[in-house]
N, C-alpha and C. Protein backbone atom coordinates (compact mmCIF):
# COMPACT_ATOMS: atom_id res chain seq x y z
N UNK A 1 -66.63 17.54 20.25
CA UNK A 1 -65.76 16.48 20.73
C UNK A 1 -64.35 16.59 20.12
N UNK A 2 -64.27 16.88 18.81
CA UNK A 2 -62.97 17.02 18.16
C UNK A 2 -62.18 18.18 18.75
N UNK A 3 -62.87 19.32 18.96
CA UNK A 3 -62.23 20.49 19.54
C UNK A 3 -61.63 20.16 20.90
N UNK A 4 -62.39 19.47 21.74
CA UNK A 4 -61.89 19.11 23.08
C UNK A 4 -60.73 18.11 22.99
N UNK A 5 -60.75 17.24 22.01
CA UNK A 5 -59.62 16.32 21.81
C UNK A 5 -58.36 17.08 21.44
N UNK A 6 -58.51 18.03 20.53
CA UNK A 6 -57.36 18.85 20.13
C UNK A 6 -56.88 19.67 21.31
N UNK A 7 -57.81 20.20 22.10
CA UNK A 7 -57.44 20.98 23.28
C UNK A 7 -56.65 20.12 24.27
N UNK A 8 -57.08 18.88 24.47
CA UNK A 8 -56.35 17.96 25.36
C UNK A 8 -54.95 17.69 24.84
N UNK A 9 -54.84 17.44 23.55
CA UNK A 9 -53.54 17.20 22.93
C UNK A 9 -52.65 18.43 23.09
N UNK A 10 -53.25 19.60 22.93
CA UNK A 10 -52.49 20.85 23.08
C UNK A 10 -51.93 20.99 24.50
N UNK A 11 -52.75 20.73 25.48
CA UNK A 11 -52.31 20.84 26.88
C UNK A 11 -51.18 19.85 27.17
N UNK A 12 -51.32 18.62 26.70
CA UNK A 12 -50.28 17.60 26.90
C UNK A 12 -48.98 18.02 26.22
N UNK A 13 -49.09 18.55 25.00
CA UNK A 13 -47.90 18.99 24.26
C UNK A 13 -47.22 20.15 24.97
N UNK A 14 -48.00 21.10 25.46
CA UNK A 14 -47.43 22.25 26.16
C UNK A 14 -46.71 21.81 27.43
N UNK A 15 -47.32 20.89 28.17
CA UNK A 15 -46.68 20.39 29.40
C UNK A 15 -45.36 19.70 29.05
N UNK A 16 -45.35 18.90 28.02
CA UNK A 16 -44.13 18.19 27.61
C UNK A 16 -43.06 19.17 27.16
N UNK A 17 -43.46 20.15 26.39
CA UNK A 17 -42.52 21.16 25.90
C UNK A 17 -41.93 21.95 27.06
N UNK A 18 -42.80 22.36 27.99
CA UNK A 18 -42.34 23.13 29.15
C UNK A 18 -41.39 22.31 30.01
N UNK A 19 -41.68 21.03 30.18
CA UNK A 19 -40.79 20.17 30.97
C UNK A 19 -39.38 20.21 30.38
N UNK A 20 -39.30 20.12 29.06
CA UNK A 20 -38.00 20.17 28.40
C UNK A 20 -37.34 21.54 28.52
N UNK A 21 -38.13 22.59 28.36
CA UNK A 21 -37.57 23.94 28.47
C UNK A 21 -37.05 24.24 29.87
N UNK A 22 -37.63 23.59 30.86
CA UNK A 22 -37.16 23.79 32.23
C UNK A 22 -36.00 22.86 32.58
N UNK A 23 -35.95 21.70 31.96
CA UNK A 23 -34.92 20.71 32.30
C UNK A 23 -33.62 20.90 31.53
N UNK A 24 -33.71 21.29 30.26
CA UNK A 24 -32.50 21.41 29.44
C UNK A 24 -31.48 22.41 30.01
N UNK A 25 -31.89 23.61 30.40
CA UNK A 25 -30.89 24.52 30.99
C UNK A 25 -30.26 23.96 32.26
N UNK A 26 -31.03 23.18 33.02
CA UNK A 26 -30.49 22.55 34.23
C UNK A 26 -29.42 21.53 33.84
N UNK A 27 -29.66 20.78 32.76
CA UNK A 27 -28.63 19.86 32.27
C UNK A 27 -27.37 20.64 31.88
N UNK A 28 -27.56 21.79 31.25
CA UNK A 28 -26.41 22.61 30.86
C UNK A 28 -25.62 23.08 32.08
N UNK A 29 -26.31 23.40 33.16
CA UNK A 29 -25.64 23.81 34.40
C UNK A 29 -24.65 22.73 34.82
N UNK A 30 -25.12 21.50 34.85
CA UNK A 30 -24.26 20.39 35.28
C UNK A 30 -23.23 20.03 34.21
N UNK A 31 -23.60 20.19 32.95
CA UNK A 31 -22.68 19.88 31.86
C UNK A 31 -21.47 20.80 31.88
N UNK A 32 -21.67 22.03 32.30
CA UNK A 32 -20.57 23.01 32.37
C UNK A 32 -19.44 22.52 33.26
N UNK A 33 -19.78 21.72 34.26
CA UNK A 33 -18.78 21.27 35.23
C UNK A 33 -18.05 19.99 34.81
N UNK A 34 -18.34 19.47 33.61
CA UNK A 34 -17.66 18.26 33.16
C UNK A 34 -16.46 18.62 32.29
N UNK A 35 -15.53 17.71 32.22
CA UNK A 35 -14.36 17.89 31.38
C UNK A 35 -14.70 17.41 29.96
N UNK A 36 -14.33 18.19 28.97
CA UNK A 36 -14.60 17.83 27.58
C UNK A 36 -14.00 16.46 27.28
N UNK A 37 -14.82 15.60 26.69
CA UNK A 37 -14.37 14.26 26.32
C UNK A 37 -14.51 13.21 27.40
N UNK A 38 -14.88 13.64 28.61
CA UNK A 38 -15.03 12.69 29.71
C UNK A 38 -16.31 11.88 29.54
N UNK A 39 -16.43 10.83 30.34
CA UNK A 39 -17.64 10.00 30.28
C UNK A 39 -18.89 10.80 30.66
N UNK A 40 -18.86 11.62 31.71
CA UNK A 40 -20.04 12.45 32.01
C UNK A 40 -20.37 13.43 30.88
N UNK A 41 -19.36 14.00 30.25
CA UNK A 41 -19.57 14.91 29.12
C UNK A 41 -20.33 14.20 28.01
N UNK A 42 -19.91 13.00 27.68
CA UNK A 42 -20.57 12.23 26.62
C UNK A 42 -22.00 11.87 27.01
N UNK A 43 -22.21 11.55 28.27
CA UNK A 43 -23.55 11.22 28.74
C UNK A 43 -24.48 12.43 28.65
N UNK A 44 -24.00 13.60 29.06
CA UNK A 44 -24.82 14.81 28.95
C UNK A 44 -25.14 15.12 27.49
N UNK A 45 -24.20 14.91 26.59
CA UNK A 45 -24.46 15.15 25.17
C UNK A 45 -25.63 14.30 24.68
N UNK A 46 -25.63 13.04 25.06
CA UNK A 46 -26.71 12.13 24.65
C UNK A 46 -28.03 12.58 25.27
N UNK A 47 -28.02 12.88 26.56
CA UNK A 47 -29.25 13.30 27.25
C UNK A 47 -29.83 14.57 26.62
N UNK A 48 -28.99 15.55 26.35
CA UNK A 48 -29.44 16.81 25.79
C UNK A 48 -30.00 16.62 24.38
N UNK A 49 -29.30 15.86 23.56
CA UNK A 49 -29.76 15.61 22.19
C UNK A 49 -31.10 14.88 22.19
N UNK A 50 -31.22 13.85 22.99
CA UNK A 50 -32.48 13.08 23.04
C UNK A 50 -33.63 13.92 23.58
N UNK A 51 -33.36 14.72 24.59
CA UNK A 51 -34.41 15.58 25.14
C UNK A 51 -34.94 16.52 24.07
N UNK A 52 -34.03 17.13 23.32
CA UNK A 52 -34.45 18.07 22.27
C UNK A 52 -35.16 17.36 21.12
N UNK A 53 -34.57 16.29 20.61
CA UNK A 53 -35.11 15.65 19.41
C UNK A 53 -36.32 14.76 19.68
N UNK A 54 -36.34 14.07 20.80
CA UNK A 54 -37.41 13.10 21.05
C UNK A 54 -38.58 13.69 21.82
N UNK A 55 -38.35 14.75 22.59
CA UNK A 55 -39.43 15.30 23.42
C UNK A 55 -39.75 16.74 23.04
N UNK A 56 -38.76 17.61 23.15
CA UNK A 56 -39.03 19.03 23.02
C UNK A 56 -39.49 19.44 21.62
N UNK A 57 -38.75 19.04 20.58
CA UNK A 57 -39.11 19.46 19.22
C UNK A 57 -40.49 18.93 18.81
N UNK A 58 -40.77 17.62 19.00
CA UNK A 58 -42.12 17.15 18.65
C UNK A 58 -43.20 17.84 19.47
N UNK A 59 -42.96 18.03 20.76
CA UNK A 59 -43.96 18.67 21.62
C UNK A 59 -44.21 20.11 21.17
N UNK A 60 -43.14 20.81 20.80
CA UNK A 60 -43.30 22.19 20.32
C UNK A 60 -44.14 22.21 19.05
N UNK A 61 -43.86 21.32 18.13
CA UNK A 61 -44.61 21.30 16.87
C UNK A 61 -46.09 20.97 17.09
N UNK A 62 -46.35 20.01 17.97
CA UNK A 62 -47.75 19.65 18.27
C UNK A 62 -48.44 20.81 19.00
N UNK A 63 -47.73 21.46 19.92
CA UNK A 63 -48.31 22.60 20.63
C UNK A 63 -48.66 23.72 19.65
N UNK A 64 -47.76 24.00 18.73
CA UNK A 64 -48.02 25.04 17.74
C UNK A 64 -49.19 24.66 16.82
N UNK A 65 -49.15 23.45 16.29
CA UNK A 65 -50.21 23.04 15.37
C UNK A 65 -51.58 23.02 16.02
N UNK A 66 -51.67 22.40 17.17
CA UNK A 66 -52.95 22.32 17.87
C UNK A 66 -53.38 23.69 18.37
N UNK A 67 -52.42 24.49 18.82
CA UNK A 67 -52.75 25.83 19.31
C UNK A 67 -53.28 26.74 18.22
N UNK A 68 -52.69 26.66 17.04
CA UNK A 68 -53.19 27.48 15.92
C UNK A 68 -54.60 27.04 15.52
N UNK A 69 -54.81 25.73 15.49
CA UNK A 69 -56.16 25.23 15.19
C UNK A 69 -57.17 25.77 16.21
N UNK A 70 -56.85 25.65 17.49
CA UNK A 70 -57.76 26.10 18.54
C UNK A 70 -58.02 27.60 18.45
N UNK A 71 -56.98 28.36 18.15
CA UNK A 71 -57.12 29.82 18.07
C UNK A 71 -58.06 30.23 16.95
N UNK A 72 -57.92 29.59 15.81
CA UNK A 72 -58.77 29.94 14.66
C UNK A 72 -60.19 29.40 14.88
N UNK A 73 -60.28 28.16 15.31
CA UNK A 73 -61.59 27.53 15.51
C UNK A 73 -62.43 28.27 16.55
N UNK A 74 -61.80 28.76 17.59
CA UNK A 74 -62.52 29.45 18.66
C UNK A 74 -62.72 30.93 18.38
N UNK A 75 -61.95 31.47 17.44
CA UNK A 75 -62.00 32.90 17.16
C UNK A 75 -61.14 33.74 18.09
N UNK A 76 -60.40 33.08 18.97
CA UNK A 76 -59.56 33.80 19.93
C UNK A 76 -58.45 34.60 19.24
N UNK A 77 -58.07 34.18 18.05
CA UNK A 77 -56.96 34.87 17.36
C UNK A 77 -57.26 36.35 17.11
N UNK A 78 -58.51 36.74 17.24
CA UNK A 78 -58.90 38.14 17.03
C UNK A 78 -58.81 38.97 18.32
N UNK A 79 -58.67 38.32 19.44
CA UNK A 79 -58.71 39.01 20.73
C UNK A 79 -57.31 39.45 21.18
N UNK A 80 -57.27 40.59 21.85
CA UNK A 80 -55.99 41.18 22.26
C UNK A 80 -55.23 40.27 23.22
N UNK A 81 -55.91 39.68 24.21
CA UNK A 81 -55.23 38.81 25.16
C UNK A 81 -54.52 37.67 24.44
N UNK A 82 -55.17 37.16 23.39
CA UNK A 82 -54.56 36.05 22.65
C UNK A 82 -53.35 36.54 21.86
N UNK A 83 -53.44 37.71 21.29
CA UNK A 83 -52.33 38.23 20.50
C UNK A 83 -51.10 38.47 21.37
N UNK A 84 -51.32 38.91 22.62
CA UNK A 84 -50.21 39.06 23.57
C UNK A 84 -49.66 37.69 23.93
N UNK A 85 -50.56 36.74 24.17
CA UNK A 85 -50.15 35.36 24.47
C UNK A 85 -49.33 34.81 23.31
N UNK A 86 -49.76 35.08 22.11
CA UNK A 86 -49.06 34.61 20.91
C UNK A 86 -47.63 35.15 20.87
N UNK A 87 -47.45 36.40 21.24
CA UNK A 87 -46.10 36.98 21.29
C UNK A 87 -45.24 36.27 22.34
N UNK A 88 -45.85 35.92 23.48
CA UNK A 88 -45.11 35.19 24.51
C UNK A 88 -44.74 33.78 24.03
N UNK A 89 -45.63 33.16 23.26
CA UNK A 89 -45.32 31.83 22.70
C UNK A 89 -44.19 31.94 21.68
N UNK A 90 -44.17 33.00 20.92
CA UNK A 90 -43.04 33.24 20.00
C UNK A 90 -41.76 33.38 20.82
N UNK A 91 -41.84 34.08 21.95
CA UNK A 91 -40.69 34.20 22.85
C UNK A 91 -40.25 32.84 23.36
N UNK A 92 -41.20 31.98 23.70
CA UNK A 92 -40.89 30.63 24.17
C UNK A 92 -40.19 29.83 23.06
N UNK A 93 -40.64 30.02 21.84
CA UNK A 93 -40.01 29.35 20.71
C UNK A 93 -38.59 29.87 20.49
N UNK A 94 -38.40 31.15 20.68
CA UNK A 94 -37.05 31.73 20.56
C UNK A 94 -36.12 31.14 21.62
N UNK A 95 -36.62 30.95 22.83
CA UNK A 95 -35.83 30.33 23.89
C UNK A 95 -35.46 28.90 23.48
N UNK A 96 -36.42 28.17 22.92
CA UNK A 96 -36.18 26.81 22.46
C UNK A 96 -35.03 26.79 21.43
N UNK A 97 -35.10 27.67 20.47
CA UNK A 97 -34.06 27.75 19.42
C UNK A 97 -32.72 28.14 20.04
N UNK A 98 -32.74 29.07 20.98
CA UNK A 98 -31.52 29.50 21.67
C UNK A 98 -30.89 28.33 22.42
N UNK A 99 -31.72 27.55 23.11
CA UNK A 99 -31.22 26.38 23.83
C UNK A 99 -30.63 25.35 22.87
N UNK A 100 -31.24 25.21 21.73
CA UNK A 100 -30.72 24.27 20.71
C UNK A 100 -29.31 24.67 20.29
N UNK A 101 -29.07 25.95 20.17
CA UNK A 101 -27.73 26.42 19.79
C UNK A 101 -26.70 26.03 20.84
N UNK A 102 -27.09 26.13 22.12
CA UNK A 102 -26.17 25.72 23.19
C UNK A 102 -25.96 24.22 23.18
N UNK A 103 -27.00 23.47 22.89
CA UNK A 103 -26.87 22.01 22.81
C UNK A 103 -25.86 21.65 21.73
N UNK A 104 -25.94 22.30 20.59
CA UNK A 104 -24.99 22.04 19.51
C UNK A 104 -23.57 22.46 19.91
N UNK A 105 -23.47 23.54 20.66
CA UNK A 105 -22.17 24.00 21.15
C UNK A 105 -21.54 22.98 22.10
N UNK A 106 -22.33 22.48 23.05
CA UNK A 106 -21.83 21.44 23.95
C UNK A 106 -21.45 20.18 23.17
N UNK A 107 -22.25 19.82 22.18
CA UNK A 107 -21.97 18.62 21.37
C UNK A 107 -20.65 18.75 20.63
N UNK A 108 -20.29 19.98 20.29
CA UNK A 108 -19.02 20.23 19.59
C UNK A 108 -17.85 20.40 20.56
N UNK A 109 -18.10 20.24 21.86
CA UNK A 109 -17.03 20.35 22.85
C UNK A 109 -16.72 21.77 23.26
N UNK A 110 -17.61 22.70 22.96
CA UNK A 110 -17.39 24.11 23.28
C UNK A 110 -18.16 24.48 24.54
N UNK A 111 -17.55 25.33 25.34
CA UNK A 111 -18.17 25.84 26.56
C UNK A 111 -18.14 27.36 26.48
N UNK A 112 -19.20 27.96 25.93
CA UNK A 112 -19.21 29.40 25.72
C UNK A 112 -19.75 30.19 26.91
N UNK A 113 -20.42 29.50 27.84
CA UNK A 113 -21.01 30.17 29.00
C UNK A 113 -20.73 29.37 30.26
N UNK A 114 -20.85 30.06 31.39
CA UNK A 114 -20.67 29.40 32.68
C UNK A 114 -22.01 28.92 33.21
N UNK A 115 -21.96 28.08 34.23
CA UNK A 115 -23.17 27.49 34.81
C UNK A 115 -24.14 28.56 35.30
N UNK A 116 -23.63 29.65 35.85
CA UNK A 116 -24.49 30.71 36.37
C UNK A 116 -25.41 31.27 35.28
N UNK A 117 -24.89 31.41 34.07
CA UNK A 117 -25.69 31.89 32.94
C UNK A 117 -26.90 30.98 32.71
N UNK A 118 -26.67 29.67 32.75
CA UNK A 118 -27.77 28.73 32.50
C UNK A 118 -28.75 28.69 33.67
N UNK A 119 -28.29 28.97 34.88
CA UNK A 119 -29.21 29.06 36.02
C UNK A 119 -30.18 30.22 35.82
N UNK A 120 -29.66 31.33 35.32
CA UNK A 120 -30.50 32.50 35.06
C UNK A 120 -31.41 32.25 33.86
N UNK A 121 -30.84 31.69 32.79
CA UNK A 121 -31.61 31.38 31.59
C UNK A 121 -32.76 30.42 31.91
N UNK A 122 -32.57 29.57 32.87
CA UNK A 122 -33.58 28.60 33.28
C UNK A 122 -34.87 29.27 33.75
N UNK A 123 -34.79 30.53 34.17
CA UNK A 123 -35.97 31.25 34.67
C UNK A 123 -36.80 31.88 33.56
N UNK A 124 -36.22 32.07 32.40
CA UNK A 124 -36.94 32.74 31.30
C UNK A 124 -38.20 31.97 30.88
N UNK A 125 -38.12 30.65 30.62
CA UNK A 125 -39.36 29.95 30.27
C UNK A 125 -40.41 30.00 31.37
N UNK A 126 -39.98 30.03 32.61
CA UNK A 126 -40.92 30.10 33.73
C UNK A 126 -41.70 31.41 33.69
N UNK A 127 -41.00 32.50 33.48
CA UNK A 127 -41.65 33.82 33.42
C UNK A 127 -42.62 33.88 32.24
N UNK A 128 -42.18 33.38 31.08
CA UNK A 128 -43.06 33.36 29.91
C UNK A 128 -44.30 32.50 30.17
N UNK A 129 -44.10 31.34 30.79
CA UNK A 129 -45.20 30.44 31.09
C UNK A 129 -46.22 31.11 32.01
N UNK A 130 -45.74 31.80 33.03
CA UNK A 130 -46.64 32.49 33.97
C UNK A 130 -47.49 33.51 33.21
N UNK A 131 -46.85 34.28 32.35
CA UNK A 131 -47.59 35.26 31.55
C UNK A 131 -48.63 34.60 30.66
N UNK A 132 -48.26 33.52 30.01
CA UNK A 132 -49.19 32.80 29.12
C UNK A 132 -50.38 32.26 29.90
N UNK A 133 -50.11 31.61 31.01
CA UNK A 133 -51.20 31.03 31.81
C UNK A 133 -52.14 32.12 32.33
N UNK A 134 -51.58 33.21 32.83
CA UNK A 134 -52.43 34.29 33.33
C UNK A 134 -53.31 34.87 32.23
N UNK A 135 -52.75 35.03 31.03
CA UNK A 135 -53.55 35.56 29.92
C UNK A 135 -54.67 34.60 29.53
N UNK A 136 -54.37 33.31 29.49
CA UNK A 136 -55.38 32.32 29.11
C UNK A 136 -56.49 32.23 30.16
N UNK A 137 -56.12 32.25 31.42
CA UNK A 137 -57.11 32.09 32.49
C UNK A 137 -57.97 33.34 32.66
N UNK A 138 -57.34 34.52 32.72
CA UNK A 138 -58.07 35.74 33.03
C UNK A 138 -58.59 36.49 31.79
N UNK A 139 -57.95 36.29 30.65
CA UNK A 139 -58.36 36.99 29.41
C UNK A 139 -58.68 38.46 29.70
N UNK A 140 -57.66 39.20 30.14
CA UNK A 140 -57.90 40.55 30.67
C UNK A 140 -58.30 41.60 29.63
N UNK A 141 -58.11 41.33 28.37
CA UNK A 141 -58.41 42.36 27.35
C UNK A 141 -59.49 41.88 26.40
């Protein structure tokens, strides 16, 4: 029963984290088109900060904690499919950290990239997620 509870928490945390990873770059796309210091600029700053601090960061930490517990408890950490999945999750975490850097850049009034860059970046978590889900479902190795 405890294992299944942790598994449920893990799934909820992953969904929440993914929602943020997919939404934040989209916010950046629209933020690029605002004038620094304008009312929309300030609104996007608040939205981006809250998304990262209130949803994404806690969800990432819960996903990692519950996921590590599940991996060890189930013995999956020894299997090749899981080790590949683990690398993809590290990649997802790197994307999260990368997005945080852009959030801080926008908060400081800097625009280092154009909207097109964030449209493309928005696809990276999707590709990682597809790989992770396929590995978990099919366990090919």
